[in-house]
Amino acid sequence: MKLLLTITTFFVSCLSLAEEVERNNWYAGLGIGNAFYTDDSSERSSVSKDVFAGFKPNRYISIELQYTNWGKYDNDNSVLDHVEIESVGVTTYGILPIDNTGVELTLGLGIHNTIYSEKFNVEGKTINTTSNDPFSLFGTVGINYTYVNTPNITYSFKLKTHQLSFHYELNDGPLSENDGVTGLDSFGRTINSINFSAQYNF
């Protein structure tokens, strides 16, 4: 009888744990913020937007599918009008919670499809160039503060710095050094961001 009671208790505990894992480990959300884009000459800001969904097996690791529109960055250059960057991909995060304060330190590394677009004004003509790198490296370091509204709904304020490393396709373009040149060039861009997100935990 004791053995049967022990087995029953163990079985019920496992079901409860499985239900808790199923309810708490999958999540999805939306975010909006301000991103600061840095290239070789200056830093410019723009509104950024992101959509994400992920799996968090424990409090220290999460695997996340993300789409981010990093924004449109106007340029003071008389030739280059603006730059736009989008990316979609998978990132694995290491998470270090600071006690039970809601503050977390995060470190992420992933592979993203990065779309890098530029608009040029040359001799009264508008020229648009777009490069798509499906295997660009994405790294991020940040600090998050998360407020738990209910077990299923959380809000987060995030400060992060991101590094995108990707191949940029050279076209017969408006830049004199690229005229008549095609191929791939590789470079990185730094984007710092302040972001607010709402997340639903399934």
N, C-alpha and C. Protein backbone atom coordinates (compact mmCIF):
# COMPACT_ATOMS: atom_id res chain seq x y z
N MET A 1 0.83 -1.21 0.00
CA MET A 1 0.00 0.00 0.00
C MET A 1 0.87 1.26 0.00
N LYS A 2 1.93 1.23 0.83
CA LYS A 2 2.84 2.37 0.88
C LYS A 2 3.54 2.56 -0.47
N LEU A 3 3.90 1.43 -1.08
CA LEU A 3 4.58 1.50 -2.37
C LEU A 3 3.65 2.11 -3.42
N LEU A 4 2.38 1.70 -3.40
CA LEU A 4 1.41 2.23 -4.35
C LEU A 4 1.20 3.73 -4.13
N LEU A 5 1.16 4.12 -2.86
CA LEU A 5 0.98 5.55 -2.54
C LEU A 5 2.18 6.36 -2.99
N THR A 6 3.38 5.79 -2.81
CA THR A 6 4.61 6.47 -3.23
C THR A 6 4.66 6.65 -4.74
N ILE A 7 4.32 5.58 -5.47
CA ILE A 7 4.32 5.62 -6.93
C ILE A 7 3.30 6.64 -7.43
N THR A 8 2.10 6.62 -6.80
CA THR A 8 1.05 7.57 -7.20
C THR A 8 1.49 9.01 -6.96
N THR A 9 2.09 9.25 -5.80
CA THR A 9 2.57 10.60 -5.48
C THR A 9 3.64 11.05 -6.45
N PHE A 10 4.57 10.15 -6.79
CA PHE A 10 5.64 10.45 -7.73
C PHE A 10 5.06 10.77 -9.11
N PHE A 11 4.07 9.98 -9.54
CA PHE A 11 3.46 10.16 -10.84
C PHE A 11 2.74 11.52 -10.92
N VAL A 12 2.00 11.86 -9.87
CA VAL A 12 1.29 13.15 -9.83
C VAL A 12 2.29 14.30 -9.83
N SER A 13 3.40 14.13 -9.11
CA SER A 13 4.43 15.17 -9.07
C SER A 13 5.04 15.37 -10.45
N CYS A 14 5.29 14.29 -11.17
CA CYS A 14 5.85 14.39 -12.52
C CYS A 14 4.89 15.09 -13.47
N LEU A 15 3.59 14.78 -13.35
CA LEU A 15 2.60 15.44 -14.19
C LEU A 15 2.54 16.93 -13.89
N SER A 16 2.61 17.26 -12.62
CA SER A 16 2.58 18.67 -12.23
C SER A 16 3.81 19.40 -12.76
N LEU A 17 4.98 18.74 -12.66
CA LEU A 17 6.21 19.34 -13.18
C LEU A 17 6.15 19.50 -14.68
N ALA A 18 5.65 18.49 -15.38
CA ALA A 18 5.54 18.57 -16.84
C ALA A 18 4.60 19.69 -17.25
N GLU A 19 3.49 19.83 -16.50
CA GLU A 19 2.55 20.90 -16.81
C GLU A 19 3.20 22.26 -16.58
N GLU A 20 4.00 22.37 -15.50
CA GLU A 20 4.67 23.63 -15.20
C GLU A 20 5.70 23.96 -16.28
N VAL A 21 6.45 22.94 -16.72
CA VAL A 21 7.43 23.15 -17.78
C VAL A 21 6.74 23.60 -19.06
N GLU A 22 5.63 22.92 -19.40
CA GLU A 22 4.91 23.26 -20.62
C GLU A 22 4.35 24.67 -20.56
N ARG A 23 3.90 25.10 -19.37
CA ARG A 23 3.29 26.41 -19.23
C ARG A 23 4.31 27.53 -19.20
N ASN A 24 5.49 27.26 -18.65
CA ASN A 24 6.42 28.34 -18.36
C ASN A 24 7.58 28.47 -19.34
N ASN A 25 7.88 27.45 -20.12
CA ASN A 25 9.12 27.46 -20.89
C ASN A 25 8.99 28.05 -22.29
N TRP A 26 7.81 28.04 -22.87
CA TRP A 26 7.61 28.63 -24.19
C TRP A 26 7.09 30.05 -24.03
N TYR A 27 7.56 30.95 -24.90
CA TYR A 27 7.14 32.35 -24.78
C TYR A 27 7.17 33.03 -26.14
N ALA A 28 6.48 34.16 -26.23
CA ALA A 28 6.48 34.99 -27.44
C ALA A 28 6.20 36.42 -27.03
N GLY A 29 6.68 37.37 -27.85
CA GLY A 29 6.47 38.76 -27.47
C GLY A 29 6.78 39.76 -28.57
N LEU A 30 6.56 41.02 -28.23
CA LEU A 30 6.80 42.15 -29.12
C LEU A 30 7.64 43.19 -28.38
N GLY A 31 8.46 43.92 -29.13
CA GLY A 31 9.29 44.95 -28.52
C GLY A 31 9.40 46.18 -29.39
N ILE A 32 9.62 47.32 -28.76
CA ILE A 32 9.85 48.57 -29.48
C ILE A 32 10.86 49.38 -28.69
N GLY A 33 11.69 50.15 -29.39
CA GLY A 33 12.71 50.91 -28.68
C GLY A 33 13.42 51.89 -29.57
N ASN A 34 14.57 52.33 -29.09
CA ASN A 34 15.41 53.26 -29.83
C ASN A 34 16.76 52.60 -30.04
N ALA A 35 17.22 52.58 -31.29
CA ALA A 35 18.50 51.95 -31.62
C ALA A 35 19.49 53.01 -32.10
N PHE A 36 20.74 52.82 -31.73
CA PHE A 36 21.81 53.75 -32.10
C PHE A 36 22.80 52.99 -32.97
N TYR A 37 22.84 53.38 -34.23
CA TYR A 37 23.64 52.67 -35.24
C TYR A 37 24.98 53.37 -35.40
N THR A 38 26.06 52.59 -35.33
CA THR A 38 27.41 53.15 -35.44
C THR A 38 28.10 52.56 -36.66
N ASP A 39 28.60 53.45 -37.54
CA ASP A 39 29.42 52.99 -38.65
C ASP A 39 30.80 53.60 -38.51
N ASP A 40 31.53 53.68 -39.60
CA ASP A 40 32.91 54.15 -39.51
C ASP A 40 33.03 55.64 -39.19
N SER A 41 31.94 56.39 -39.39
CA SER A 41 32.06 57.84 -39.27
C SER A 41 31.23 58.45 -38.14
N SER A 42 30.07 57.87 -37.82
CA SER A 42 29.20 58.54 -36.87
C SER A 42 28.22 57.55 -36.24
N GLU A 43 27.43 58.07 -35.28
CA GLU A 43 26.37 57.29 -34.67
C GLU A 43 25.04 58.00 -34.90
N ARG A 44 24.03 57.26 -35.36
CA ARG A 44 22.72 57.82 -35.62
C ARG A 44 21.66 56.95 -34.95
N SER A 45 20.49 57.52 -34.69
CA SER A 45 19.46 56.78 -33.96
C SER A 45 18.20 56.61 -34.80
N SER A 46 17.41 55.60 -34.45
CA SER A 46 16.16 55.32 -35.14
C SER A 46 15.28 54.45 -34.25
N VAL A 47 14.00 54.40 -34.56
CA VAL A 47 13.08 53.51 -33.85
C VAL A 47 13.30 52.08 -34.33
N SER A 48 13.38 51.14 -33.39
CA SER A 48 13.54 49.73 -33.74
C SER A 48 12.31 48.95 -33.26
N LYS A 49 12.01 47.86 -33.96
CA LYS A 49 10.86 47.02 -33.61
C LYS A 49 11.28 45.56 -33.74
N ASP A 50 10.77 44.71 -32.86
CA ASP A 50 11.11 43.30 -32.95
C ASP A 50 9.95 42.41 -32.52
N VAL A 51 9.95 41.20 -33.09
CA VAL A 51 9.01 40.14 -32.75
C VAL A 51 9.85 38.91 -32.40
N PHE A 52 9.50 38.20 -31.34
CA PHE A 52 10.32 37.07 -30.92
C PHE A 52 9.47 35.97 -30.32
N ALA A 53 10.01 34.75 -30.38
CA ALA A 53 9.41 33.58 -29.74
C ALA A 53 10.54 32.65 -29.36
N GLY A 54 10.39 31.98 -28.21
CA GLY A 54 11.51 31.16 -27.78
C GLY A 54 11.15 30.07 -26.79
N PHE A 55 12.18 29.33 -26.43
CA PHE A 55 12.07 28.24 -25.46
C PHE A 55 13.14 28.44 -24.40
N LYS A 56 12.73 28.38 -23.14
CA LYS A 56 13.64 28.60 -22.02
C LYS A 56 13.61 27.38 -21.10
N PRO A 57 14.54 26.43 -21.30
CA PRO A 57 14.52 25.19 -20.51
C PRO A 57 14.79 25.40 -19.02
N ASN A 58 15.52 26.47 -18.70
CA ASN A 58 15.75 26.83 -17.30
C ASN A 58 16.02 28.32 -17.23
N ARG A 59 16.30 28.83 -16.06
CA ARG A 59 16.44 30.29 -15.91
C ARG A 59 17.75 30.83 -16.46
N TYR A 60 18.66 29.93 -16.90
CA TYR A 60 19.98 30.36 -17.34
C TYR A 60 20.18 30.32 -18.86
N ILE A 61 19.27 29.70 -19.59
CA ILE A 61 19.43 29.53 -21.03
C ILE A 61 18.10 29.78 -21.73
N SER A 62 18.15 30.42 -22.90
CA SER A 62 16.97 30.50 -23.77
C SER A 62 17.43 30.44 -25.22
N ILE A 63 16.57 29.87 -26.04
CA ILE A 63 16.81 29.79 -27.49
C ILE A 63 15.68 30.55 -28.15
N GLU A 64 16.03 31.56 -28.96
CA GLU A 64 15.01 32.51 -29.41
C GLU A 64 15.06 32.74 -30.92
N LEU A 65 13.89 32.69 -31.55
CA LEU A 65 13.72 33.08 -32.93
C LEU A 65 13.30 34.55 -32.93
N GLN A 66 14.02 35.39 -33.70
CA GLN A 66 13.79 36.83 -33.65
C GLN A 66 13.69 37.43 -35.04
N TYR A 67 12.79 38.40 -35.16
CA TYR A 67 12.80 39.30 -36.32
C TYR A 67 12.98 40.70 -35.76
N THR A 68 13.95 41.44 -36.27
CA THR A 68 14.19 42.81 -35.81
C THR A 68 14.32 43.74 -36.99
N ASN A 69 13.55 44.81 -36.95
CA ASN A 69 13.74 45.92 -37.87
C ASN A 69 14.54 46.96 -37.09
N TRP A 70 15.82 47.10 -37.45
CA TRP A 70 16.71 47.96 -36.68
C TRP A 70 16.49 49.44 -36.98
N GLY A 71 15.69 49.74 -37.99
CA GLY A 71 15.34 51.13 -38.26
C GLY A 71 15.98 51.69 -39.51
N LYS A 72 15.65 52.93 -39.76
CA LYS A 72 16.16 53.69 -40.91
C LYS A 72 17.03 54.82 -40.38
N TYR A 73 18.27 54.85 -40.83
CA TYR A 73 19.25 55.80 -40.30
C TYR A 73 19.63 56.81 -41.38
N ASP A 74 19.19 58.04 -41.18
CA ASP A 74 19.51 59.11 -42.12
C ASP A 74 20.99 59.46 -42.04
N ASN A 75 21.54 59.90 -43.15
CA ASN A 75 22.96 60.21 -43.21
C ASN A 75 23.17 61.65 -43.65
N ASP A 76 24.16 62.30 -43.06
CA ASP A 76 24.49 63.68 -43.43
C ASP A 76 25.28 63.74 -44.74
N ASN A 77 25.75 62.59 -45.18
CA ASN A 77 26.53 62.53 -46.42
C ASN A 77 25.67 62.99 -47.60
N SER A 78 26.22 63.81 -48.46
CA SER A 78 25.45 64.34 -49.59
C SER A 78 25.12 63.26 -50.62
N VAL A 79 25.87 62.15 -50.59
CA VAL A 79 25.63 61.07 -51.55
C VAL A 79 24.75 59.98 -50.93
N LEU A 80 25.15 59.50 -49.74
CA LEU A 80 24.39 58.45 -49.06
C LEU A 80 23.24 59.08 -48.27
N ASP A 81 22.01 58.76 -48.68
CA ASP A 81 20.83 59.35 -48.05
C ASP A 81 20.48 58.66 -46.72
N HIS A 82 20.36 57.33 -46.75
CA HIS A 82 20.04 56.60 -45.52
C HIS A 82 20.41 55.13 -45.64
N VAL A 83 20.43 54.47 -44.48
CA VAL A 83 20.71 53.05 -44.37
C VAL A 83 19.56 52.39 -43.61
N GLU A 84 19.14 51.20 -44.06
CA GLU A 84 18.14 50.43 -43.34
C GLU A 84 18.66 49.01 -43.10
N ILE A 85 18.38 48.47 -41.90
CA ILE A 85 18.86 47.14 -41.55
C ILE A 85 17.72 46.32 -40.95
N GLU A 86 17.56 45.09 -41.43
CA GLU A 86 16.62 44.12 -40.86
C GLU A 86 17.36 42.81 -40.65
N SER A 87 16.91 42.02 -39.68
CA SER A 87 17.51 40.70 -39.49
C SER A 87 16.49 39.74 -38.90
N VAL A 88 16.62 38.47 -39.27
CA VAL A 88 15.79 37.41 -38.71
C VAL A 88 16.67 36.19 -38.50
N GLY A 89 16.54 35.54 -37.35
CA GLY A 89 17.40 34.40 -37.09
C GLY A 89 17.18 33.82 -35.71
N VAL A 90 18.08 32.92 -35.35
CA VAL A 90 18.00 32.21 -34.07
C VAL A 90 19.20 32.61 -33.21
N THR A 91 18.93 32.95 -31.96
CA THR A 91 19.97 33.34 -31.02
C THR A 91 19.85 32.52 -29.74
N THR A 92 20.97 32.03 -29.25
CA THR A 92 21.02 31.35 -27.96
C THR A 92 21.55 32.31 -26.91
N TYR A 93 20.82 32.45 -25.80
CA TYR A 93 21.20 33.38 -24.75
C TYR A 93 21.64 32.64 -23.49
N GLY A 94 22.73 33.12 -22.89
CA GLY A 94 23.09 32.75 -21.54
C GLY A 94 22.59 33.85 -20.61
N ILE A 95 21.96 33.47 -19.51
CA ILE A 95 21.30 34.43 -18.64
C ILE A 95 21.84 34.28 -17.22
N LEU A 96 22.21 35.41 -16.61
CA LEU A 96 22.67 35.41 -15.22
C LEU A 96 21.72 36.27 -14.39
N PRO A 97 20.78 35.63 -13.66
CA PRO A 97 19.85 36.40 -12.82
C PRO A 97 20.58 37.00 -11.61
N ILE A 98 20.23 38.21 -11.25
CA ILE A 98 20.78 38.86 -10.06
C ILE A 98 19.79 38.66 -8.92
N ASP A 99 19.99 37.58 -8.14
CA ASP A 99 19.09 37.20 -7.04
C ASP A 99 17.65 37.15 -7.56
N ASN A 100 16.73 37.75 -6.82
CA ASN A 100 15.32 37.78 -7.23
C ASN A 100 14.87 39.21 -7.49
N THR A 101 15.78 40.02 -8.02
CA THR A 101 15.49 41.44 -8.23
C THR A 101 14.77 41.71 -9.54
N GLY A 102 14.73 40.71 -10.44
CA GLY A 102 14.19 40.92 -11.76
C GLY A 102 15.23 41.39 -12.76
N VAL A 103 16.47 41.62 -12.27
CA VAL A 103 17.56 42.07 -13.13
C VAL A 103 18.34 40.86 -13.64
N GLU A 104 18.66 40.86 -14.93
CA GLU A 104 19.41 39.77 -15.54
C GLU A 104 20.51 40.33 -16.45
N LEU A 105 21.65 39.67 -16.43
CA LEU A 105 22.70 39.94 -17.40
C LEU A 105 22.60 38.89 -18.49
N THR A 106 22.70 39.30 -19.76
CA THR A 106 22.52 38.37 -20.87
C THR A 106 23.69 38.44 -21.85
N LEU A 107 23.98 37.29 -22.43
CA LEU A 107 25.00 37.16 -23.46
C LEU A 107 24.44 36.26 -24.55
N GLY A 108 24.35 36.78 -25.78
CA GLY A 108 23.74 36.00 -26.85
C GLY A 108 24.62 35.87 -28.07
N LEU A 109 24.47 34.75 -28.78
CA LEU A 109 25.19 34.50 -30.02
C LEU A 109 24.27 33.74 -30.96
N GLY A 110 24.19 34.20 -32.22
CA GLY A 110 23.29 33.54 -33.14
C GLY A 110 23.68 33.70 -34.59
N ILE A 111 22.87 33.09 -35.46
CA ILE A 111 23.01 33.20 -36.90
C ILE A 111 21.75 33.86 -37.44
N HIS A 112 21.91 34.95 -38.19
CA HIS A 112 20.77 35.70 -38.69
C HIS A 112 20.88 35.92 -40.19
N ASN A 113 19.73 36.07 -40.82
CA ASN A 113 19.66 36.54 -42.19
C ASN A 113 19.55 38.06 -42.12
N THR A 114 20.58 38.77 -42.55
CA THR A 114 20.63 40.23 -42.45
C THR A 114 20.41 40.88 -43.80
N ILE A 115 19.48 41.83 -43.84
CA ILE A 115 19.20 42.60 -45.05
C ILE A 115 19.68 44.03 -44.82
N TYR A 116 20.62 44.45 -45.63
CA TYR A 116 21.25 45.77 -45.48
C TYR A 116 20.97 46.58 -46.74
N SER A 117 20.24 47.69 -46.57
CA SER A 117 19.83 48.50 -47.72
C SER A 117 20.38 49.91 -47.61
N GLU A 118 20.76 50.47 -48.75
CA GLU A 118 21.25 51.85 -48.80
C GLU A 118 20.54 52.60 -49.92
N LYS A 119 20.32 53.89 -49.69
CA LYS A 119 19.76 54.76 -50.73
C LYS A 119 20.75 55.88 -51.01
N PHE A 120 21.10 56.05 -52.28
CA PHE A 120 22.06 57.07 -52.70
C PHE A 120 21.39 58.11 -53.59
N ASN A 121 21.87 59.32 -53.50
CA ASN A 121 21.47 60.38 -54.43
C ASN A 121 22.71 60.81 -55.21
N VAL A 122 22.71 60.51 -56.49
CA VAL A 122 23.88 60.79 -57.33
C VAL A 122 23.44 61.56 -58.57
N GLU A 123 23.92 62.78 -58.67
CA GLU A 123 23.65 63.62 -59.84
C GLU A 123 22.17 63.67 -60.16
N GLY A 124 21.36 63.88 -59.11
CA GLY A 124 19.91 63.99 -59.30
C GLY A 124 19.18 62.68 -59.45
N LYS A 125 19.91 61.56 -59.41
CA LYS A 125 19.29 60.25 -59.52
C LYS A 125 19.28 59.54 -58.17
N THR A 126 18.22 58.75 -57.93
CA THR A 126 18.11 57.96 -56.71
C THR A 126 18.48 56.52 -57.03
N ILE A 127 19.43 55.98 -56.29
CA ILE A 127 19.89 54.60 -56.50
C ILE A 127 19.74 53.84 -55.19
N ASN A 128 19.06 52.69 -55.24
CA ASN A 128 18.87 51.84 -54.06
C ASN A 128 19.67 50.55 -54.23
N THR A 129 20.39 50.18 -53.20
CA THR A 129 21.12 48.92 -53.20
C THR A 129 20.71 48.09 -52.00
N THR A 130 20.60 46.79 -52.18
CA THR A 130 20.21 45.89 -51.09
C THR A 130 21.11 44.66 -51.11
N SER A 131 21.59 44.29 -49.93
CA SER A 131 22.40 43.08 -49.80
C SER A 131 21.77 42.17 -48.77
N ASN A 132 21.77 40.87 -49.06
CA ASN A 132 21.13 39.89 -48.19
C ASN A 132 22.15 38.81 -47.83
N ASP A 133 22.49 38.72 -46.53
CA ASP A 133 23.43 37.69 -46.08
C ASP A 133 22.68 36.71 -45.17
N PRO A 134 22.43 35.48 -45.63
CA PRO A 134 21.63 34.53 -44.84
C PRO A 134 22.38 33.91 -43.67
N PHE A 135 23.69 34.12 -43.58
CA PHE A 135 24.45 33.49 -42.51
C PHE A 135 25.34 34.50 -41.79
N SER A 136 24.77 35.63 -41.42
CA SER A 136 25.55 36.64 -40.70
C SER A 136 25.59 36.30 -39.21
N LEU A 137 26.72 36.64 -38.58
CA LEU A 137 26.88 36.39 -37.15
C LEU A 137 26.24 37.52 -36.35
N PHE A 138 25.58 37.15 -35.25
CA PHE A 138 24.90 38.12 -34.40
C PHE A 138 25.33 37.87 -32.96
N GLY A 139 25.89 38.90 -32.33
CA GLY A 139 26.27 38.81 -30.93
C GLY A 139 25.68 39.95 -30.13
N THR A 140 25.33 39.71 -28.88
CA THR A 140 24.72 40.74 -28.07
C THR A 140 25.06 40.57 -26.59
N VAL A 141 25.23 41.69 -25.91
CA VAL A 141 25.45 41.71 -24.47
C VAL A 141 24.47 42.73 -23.89
N GLY A 142 23.81 42.38 -22.78
CA GLY A 142 22.83 43.33 -22.27
C GLY A 142 22.48 43.12 -20.81
N ILE A 143 21.64 44.02 -20.32
CA ILE A 143 21.09 43.94 -18.97
C ILE A 143 19.59 44.18 -19.08
N ASN A 144 18.81 43.31 -18.46
CA ASN A 144 17.35 43.39 -18.53
C ASN A 144 16.76 43.58 -17.15
N TYR A 145 15.65 44.31 -17.09
CA TYR A 145 14.83 44.32 -15.88
C TYR A 145 13.44 43.83 -16.27
N THR A 146 12.97 42.77 -15.61
CA THR A 146 11.69 42.17 -15.96
C THR A 146 10.69 42.33 -14.82
N TYR A 147 9.50 42.81 -15.16
CA TYR A 147 8.41 42.96 -14.21
C TYR A 147 7.37 41.89 -14.51
N VAL A 148 7.03 41.07 -13.51
CA VAL A 148 6.05 40.00 -13.68
C VAL A 148 4.67 40.54 -13.32
N ASN A 149 3.86 40.75 -14.36
CA ASN A 149 2.50 41.23 -14.13
C ASN A 149 1.60 40.09 -13.65
N THR A 150 1.64 38.98 -14.37
CA THR A 150 0.97 37.74 -13.99
C THR A 150 1.94 36.61 -14.36
N PRO A 151 1.67 35.36 -13.95
CA PRO A 151 2.56 34.26 -14.36
C PRO A 151 2.70 34.14 -15.87
N ASN A 152 1.69 34.62 -16.61
CA ASN A 152 1.73 34.48 -18.07
C ASN A 152 2.19 35.73 -18.80
N ILE A 153 2.19 36.88 -18.15
CA ILE A 153 2.53 38.12 -18.82
C ILE A 153 3.65 38.84 -18.07
N THR A 154 4.73 39.15 -18.79
CA THR A 154 5.84 39.88 -18.20
C THR A 154 6.22 41.05 -19.11
N TYR A 155 6.77 42.09 -18.50
CA TYR A 155 7.25 43.26 -19.22
C TYR A 155 8.73 43.43 -18.93
N SER A 156 9.50 43.80 -19.94
CA SER A 156 10.95 43.92 -19.77
C SER A 156 11.46 45.23 -20.33
N PHE A 157 12.44 45.80 -19.62
CA PHE A 157 13.18 46.97 -20.09
C PHE A 157 14.61 46.50 -20.33
N LYS A 158 15.14 46.69 -21.55
CA LYS A 158 16.40 46.10 -21.94
C LYS A 158 17.38 47.14 -22.45
N LEU A 159 18.61 47.07 -21.97
CA LEU A 159 19.72 47.85 -22.50
C LEU A 159 20.70 46.86 -23.12
N LYS A 160 20.99 47.01 -24.42
CA LYS A 160 21.84 46.02 -25.08
C LYS A 160 22.78 46.67 -26.08
N THR A 161 23.89 46.00 -26.30
CA THR A 161 24.76 46.36 -27.42
C THR A 161 24.87 45.13 -28.32
N HIS A 162 24.71 45.34 -29.62
CA HIS A 162 24.67 44.25 -30.59
C HIS A 162 25.80 44.44 -31.60
N GLN A 163 26.33 43.31 -32.04
CA GLN A 163 27.34 43.34 -33.10
C GLN A 163 26.87 42.45 -34.24
N LEU A 164 26.67 43.06 -35.42
CA LEU A 164 26.31 42.31 -36.61
C LEU A 164 27.53 42.20 -37.52
N SER A 165 27.87 40.99 -37.89
CA SER A 165 28.98 40.77 -38.81
C SER A 165 28.44 40.04 -40.03
N PHE A 166 28.51 40.69 -41.19
CA PHE A 166 27.89 40.10 -42.37
C PHE A 166 28.65 40.48 -43.63
N HIS A 167 28.31 39.79 -44.72
CA HIS A 167 28.87 40.07 -46.03
C HIS A 167 27.97 41.06 -46.76
N TYR A 168 28.59 42.04 -47.34
CA TYR A 168 27.86 43.06 -48.10
C TYR A 168 28.20 42.92 -49.57
N GLU A 169 27.18 42.82 -50.39
CA GLU A 169 27.41 42.62 -51.82
C GLU A 169 27.73 43.95 -52.50
N LEU A 170 28.86 43.99 -53.17
CA LEU A 170 29.25 45.18 -53.92
C LEU A 170 28.60 45.14 -55.31
N ASN A 171 27.93 46.23 -55.64
CA ASN A 171 27.27 46.33 -56.95
C ASN A 171 27.98 47.38 -57.80
N ASP A 172 27.58 47.46 -59.06
CA ASP A 172 28.04 48.58 -59.87
C ASP A 172 27.35 49.81 -59.33
N GLY A 173 27.95 50.40 -58.33
CA GLY A 173 27.21 51.37 -57.52
C GLY A 173 27.64 52.79 -57.67
N PRO A 174 27.01 53.65 -56.88
CA PRO A 174 27.26 55.08 -56.97
C PRO A 174 28.56 55.51 -56.31
N LEU A 175 29.13 54.64 -55.50
CA LEU A 175 30.41 55.00 -54.90
C LEU A 175 31.53 54.76 -55.90
N SER A 176 32.38 55.75 -56.08
CA SER A 176 33.38 55.67 -57.14
C SER A 176 34.29 54.47 -56.96
N GLU A 177 34.60 54.11 -55.71
CA GLU A 177 35.50 52.98 -55.50
C GLU A 177 34.84 51.64 -55.82
N ASN A 178 33.50 51.64 -55.95
CA ASN A 178 32.80 50.40 -56.27
C ASN A 178 32.37 50.32 -57.73
N ASP A 179 32.59 51.37 -58.49
CA ASP A 179 32.15 51.37 -59.88
C ASP A 179 32.79 50.22 -60.66
N GLY A 180 31.93 49.40 -61.24
CA GLY A 180 32.43 48.29 -62.04
C GLY A 180 32.91 47.12 -61.22
N VAL A 181 32.71 47.15 -59.90
CA VAL A 181 33.19 46.08 -59.03
C VAL A 181 32.00 45.33 -58.45
N THR A 182 32.02 44.01 -58.55
CA THR A 182 31.01 43.18 -57.91
C THR A 182 31.71 42.14 -57.07
N GLY A 183 30.95 41.55 -56.15
CA GLY A 183 31.53 40.55 -55.27
C GLY A 183 31.03 40.74 -53.85
N LEU A 184 31.80 40.29 -52.88
CA LEU A 184 31.40 40.38 -51.48
C LEU A 184 32.46 41.09 -50.67
N ASP A 185 31.99 41.93 -49.76
CA ASP A 185 32.86 42.55 -48.78
C ASP A 185 32.31 42.19 -47.42
N SER A 186 33.16 42.06 -46.43
CA SER A 186 32.73 41.65 -45.11
C SER A 186 33.03 42.74 -44.11
N PHE A 187 32.04 43.09 -43.30
CA PHE A 187 32.28 44.09 -42.27
C PHE A 187 31.26 43.93 -41.16
N GLY A 188 31.48 44.63 -40.05
CA GLY A 188 30.58 44.56 -38.91
C GLY A 188 29.99 45.91 -38.59
N ARG A 189 28.86 45.90 -37.92
CA ARG A 189 28.20 47.12 -37.48
C ARG A 189 27.77 46.95 -36.03
N THR A 190 27.93 48.01 -35.26
CA THR A 190 27.53 48.01 -33.86
C THR A 190 26.21 48.77 -33.72
N ILE A 191 25.25 48.16 -33.01
CA ILE A 191 23.96 48.80 -32.74
C ILE A 191 23.69 48.70 -31.24
N ASN A 192 23.57 49.85 -30.59
CA ASN A 192 23.17 49.89 -29.19
C ASN A 192 21.69 50.19 -29.11
N SER A 193 20.99 49.57 -28.16
CA SER A 193 19.54 49.75 -28.14
C SER A 193 18.99 49.86 -26.72
N ILE A 194 17.90 50.62 -26.62
CA ILE A 194 17.06 50.71 -25.43
C ILE A 194 15.70 50.20 -25.85
N ASN A 195 15.19 49.16 -25.19
CA ASN A 195 14.02 48.46 -25.70
C ASN A 195 13.04 48.13 -24.58
N PHE A 196 11.75 48.26 -24.88
CA PHE A 196 10.68 47.81 -23.98
C PHE A 196 9.92 46.71 -24.68
N SER A 197 9.69 45.59 -23.98
CA SER A 197 8.99 44.47 -24.60
C SER A 197 7.91 43.90 -23.67
N ALA A 198 6.88 43.35 -24.29
CA ALA A 198 5.82 42.63 -23.58
C ALA A 198 5.89 41.18 -24.03
N GLN A 199 5.81 40.26 -23.07
CA GLN A 199 6.02 38.85 -23.37
C GLN A 199 4.91 38.01 -22.76
N TYR A 200 4.43 37.04 -23.53
CA TYR A 200 3.42 36.09 -23.03
C TYR A 200 4.10 34.74 -22.82
N ASN A 201 3.96 34.17 -21.64
CA ASN A 201 4.56 32.88 -21.29
C ASN A 201 3.47 31.81 -21.34
N PHE A 202 3.66 30.83 -22.21
CA PHE A 202 2.63 29.80 -22.40
C PHE A 202 2.63 28.77 -21.28
